[in-house]
Amino acid sequence: MIKKLAICALLAGCSTTVPVVMSFPHAPTELTSTCPDLAKVPPNTTKLSQVLDVVTDNYSQYHECRSKVENWIDWYNQQQKIFTEVNK
């Protein structure tokens, strides 16, 4: 009889009545921030080749960062939508 009570007490102690609510994690701000500022042409530049170098670097940096950020945000939003639909 004592063994049965002890087993019942142990099993009752393992049960939980608090519902576990899952929530989708928030993205770190580093991953949702905008692209860094582009480089500026020095004001005393007299060579067109220096201007073109800065413009070319900025062009490639901007498009690379834009693509990376947009793809990551799109992936994150899709995962959040899937998570929300599954946990309804």
C-alpha atoms as a PDB file:
ATOM      1  CA  MET A   1       0.000   0.000   0.000  1.00  0.00           C
ATOM      2  CA  ILE A   2       2.796   2.439   0.881  1.00  0.00           C
ATOM      3  CA  LYS A   3       4.608   1.562  -2.350  1.00  0.00           C
ATOM      4  CA  LYS A   4       1.460   2.370  -4.364  1.00  0.00           C
ATOM      5  CA  LEU A   5       1.067   5.734  -2.633  1.00  0.00           C
ATOM      6  CA  ALA A   6       4.715   6.554  -3.187  1.00  0.00           C
ATOM      7  CA  ILE A   7       4.438   5.705  -6.894  1.00  0.00           C
ATOM      8  CA  CYS A   8       1.272   7.801  -7.240  1.00  0.00           C
ATOM      9  CA  ALA A   9       2.953  10.729  -5.492  1.00  0.00           C
ATOM     10  CA  LEU A  10       5.975  10.491  -7.791  1.00  0.00           C
ATOM     11  CA  LEU A  11       3.847  10.301 -10.913  1.00  0.00           C
ATOM     12  CA  ALA A  12       1.669  13.201  -9.804  1.00  0.00           C
ATOM     13  CA  GLY A  13       4.774  15.302  -9.192  1.00  0.00           C
ATOM     14  CA  CYS A  14       5.903  14.783 -12.783  1.00  0.00           C
ATOM     15  CA  SER A  15       2.726  16.115 -14.360  1.00  0.00           C
ATOM     16  CA  THR A  16       2.394  19.715 -15.372  1.00  0.00           C
ATOM     17  CA  THR A  17      -0.690  21.831 -15.790  1.00  0.00           C
ATOM     18  CA  VAL A  18       1.083  24.931 -17.091  1.00  0.00           C
ATOM     19  CA  PRO A  19       0.735  25.138 -20.878  1.00  0.00           C
ATOM     20  CA  VAL A  20       3.952  25.628 -22.776  1.00  0.00           C
ATOM     21  CA  VAL A  21       3.584  28.421 -25.320  1.00  0.00           C
ATOM     22  CA  MET A  22       6.163  28.562 -28.066  1.00  0.00           C
ATOM     23  CA  SER A  23       6.983  31.866 -29.679  1.00  0.00           C
ATOM     24  CA  PHE A  24       9.049  32.607 -32.744  1.00  0.00           C
ATOM     25  CA  PRO A  25      12.417  34.088 -31.781  1.00  0.00           C
ATOM     26  CA  HIS A  26      13.179  37.674 -32.694  1.00  0.00           C
ATOM     27  CA  ALA A  27      15.984  38.298 -35.133  1.00  0.00           C
ATOM     28  CA  PRO A  28      19.124  40.003 -33.864  1.00  0.00           C
ATOM     29  CA  THR A  29      19.258  43.665 -34.848  1.00  0.00           C
ATOM     30  CA  GLU A  30      22.576  43.080 -36.636  1.00  0.00           C
ATOM     31  CA  LEU A  31      20.767  40.890 -39.155  1.00  0.00           C
ATOM     32  CA  THR A  32      17.866  43.247 -39.759  1.00  0.00           C
ATOM     33  CA  SER A  33      19.822  46.471 -40.000  1.00  0.00           C
ATOM     34  CA  THR A  34      20.339  48.371 -43.213  1.00  0.00           C
ATOM     35  CA  CYS A  35      23.482  48.351 -45.311  1.00  0.00           C
ATOM     36  CA  PRO A  36      26.401  50.554 -44.258  1.00  0.00           C
ATOM     37  CA  ASP A  37      26.910  53.982 -45.786  1.00  0.00           C
ATOM     38  CA  LEU A  38      28.754  54.110 -49.063  1.00  0.00           C
ATOM     39  CA  ALA A  39      32.189  55.693 -49.453  1.00  0.00           C
ATOM     40  CA  LYS A  40      32.434  59.302 -50.572  1.00  0.00           C
ATOM     41  CA  VAL A  41      34.790  60.722 -53.144  1.00  0.00           C
ATOM     42  CA  PRO A  42      37.364  62.926 -51.437  1.00  0.00           C
ATOM     43  CA  PRO A  43      36.563  66.587 -52.175  1.00  0.00           C
ATOM     44  CA  ASN A  44      40.068  67.406 -53.467  1.00  0.00           C
ATOM     45  CA  THR A  45      40.072  64.580 -56.049  1.00  0.00           C
ATOM     46  CA  THR A  46      41.084  65.713 -59.507  1.00  0.00           C
ATOM     47  CA  LYS A  47      41.417  62.342 -61.243  1.00  0.00           C
ATOM     48  CA  LEU A  48      38.411  60.738 -62.852  1.00  0.00           C
ATOM     49  CA  SER A  49      39.954  57.306 -62.256  1.00  0.00           C
ATOM     50  CA  GLN A  50      39.737  57.831 -58.477  1.00  0.00           C
ATOM     51  CA  VAL A  51      36.100  58.853 -58.786  1.00  0.00           C
ATOM     52  CA  LEU A  52      35.337  55.792 -60.901  1.00  0.00           C
ATOM     53  CA  ASP A  53      37.077  53.515 -58.370  1.00  0.00           C
ATOM     54  CA  VAL A  54      34.896  54.827 -55.520  1.00  0.00           C
ATOM     55  CA  VAL A  55      31.738  54.641 -57.630  1.00  0.00           C
ATOM     56  CA  THR A  56      32.513  51.085 -58.766  1.00  0.00           C
ATOM     57  CA  ASP A  57      33.257  49.921 -55.212  1.00  0.00           C
ATOM     58  CA  ASN A  58      30.082  51.550 -53.908  1.00  0.00           C
ATOM     59  CA  TYR A  59      28.003  50.037 -56.682  1.00  0.00           C
ATOM     60  CA  SER A  60      29.171  46.503 -56.002  1.00  0.00           C
ATOM     61  CA  GLN A  61      29.019  46.916 -52.185  1.00  0.00           C
ATOM     62  CA  TYR A  62      25.488  48.254 -52.338  1.00  0.00           C
ATOM     63  CA  HIS A  63      24.102  45.551 -54.599  1.00  0.00           C
ATOM     64  CA  GLU A  64      25.810  42.759 -52.668  1.00  0.00           C
ATOM     65  CA  CYS A  65      24.533  44.028 -49.321  1.00  0.00           C
ATOM     66  CA  ARG A  66      21.059  44.736 -50.661  1.00  0.00           C
ATOM     67  CA  SER A  67      20.757  41.241 -52.088  1.00  0.00           C
ATOM     68  CA  LYS A  68      21.997  39.630 -48.874  1.00  0.00           C
ATOM     69  CA  VAL A  69      19.674  41.629 -46.631  1.00  0.00           C
ATOM     70  CA  GLU A  70      16.606  41.203 -48.829  1.00  0.00           C
ATOM     71  CA  ASN A  71      17.130  37.440 -49.129  1.00  0.00           C
ATOM     72  CA  TRP A  72      17.664  37.045 -45.394  1.00  0.00           C
ATOM     73  CA  ILE A  73      14.567  39.106 -44.518  1.00  0.00           C
ATOM     74  CA  ASP A  74      12.495  37.108 -47.025  1.00  0.00           C
ATOM     75  CA  TRP A  75      13.739  33.805 -45.543  1.00  0.00           C
ATOM     76  CA  TYR A  76      13.053  34.982 -41.984  1.00  0.00           C
ATOM     77  CA  ASN A  77       9.516  36.124 -42.826  1.00  0.00           C
ATOM     78  CA  GLN A  78       8.749  32.800 -44.542  1.00  0.00           C
ATOM     79  CA  GLN A  79      10.029  30.847 -41.524  1.00  0.00           C
ATOM     80  CA  GLN A  80       7.958  32.998 -39.184  1.00  0.00           C
ATOM     81  CA  LYS A  81       4.851  32.435 -41.319  1.00  0.00           C
ATOM     82  CA  ILE A  82       5.428  28.655 -41.305  1.00  0.00           C
ATOM     83  CA  PHE A  83       5.995  28.689 -37.545  1.00  0.00           C
ATOM     84  CA  THR A  84       2.805  30.669 -36.954  1.00  0.00           C
ATOM     85  CA  GLU A  85       0.709  28.361 -39.156  1.00  0.00           C
ATOM     86  CA  VAL A  86       2.055  25.209 -37.506  1.00  0.00           C
ATOM     87  CA  ASN A  87       1.519  26.493 -33.954  1.00  0.00           C
ATOM     88  CA  LYS A  88      -2.099  27.679 -34.340  1.00  0.00           C
END
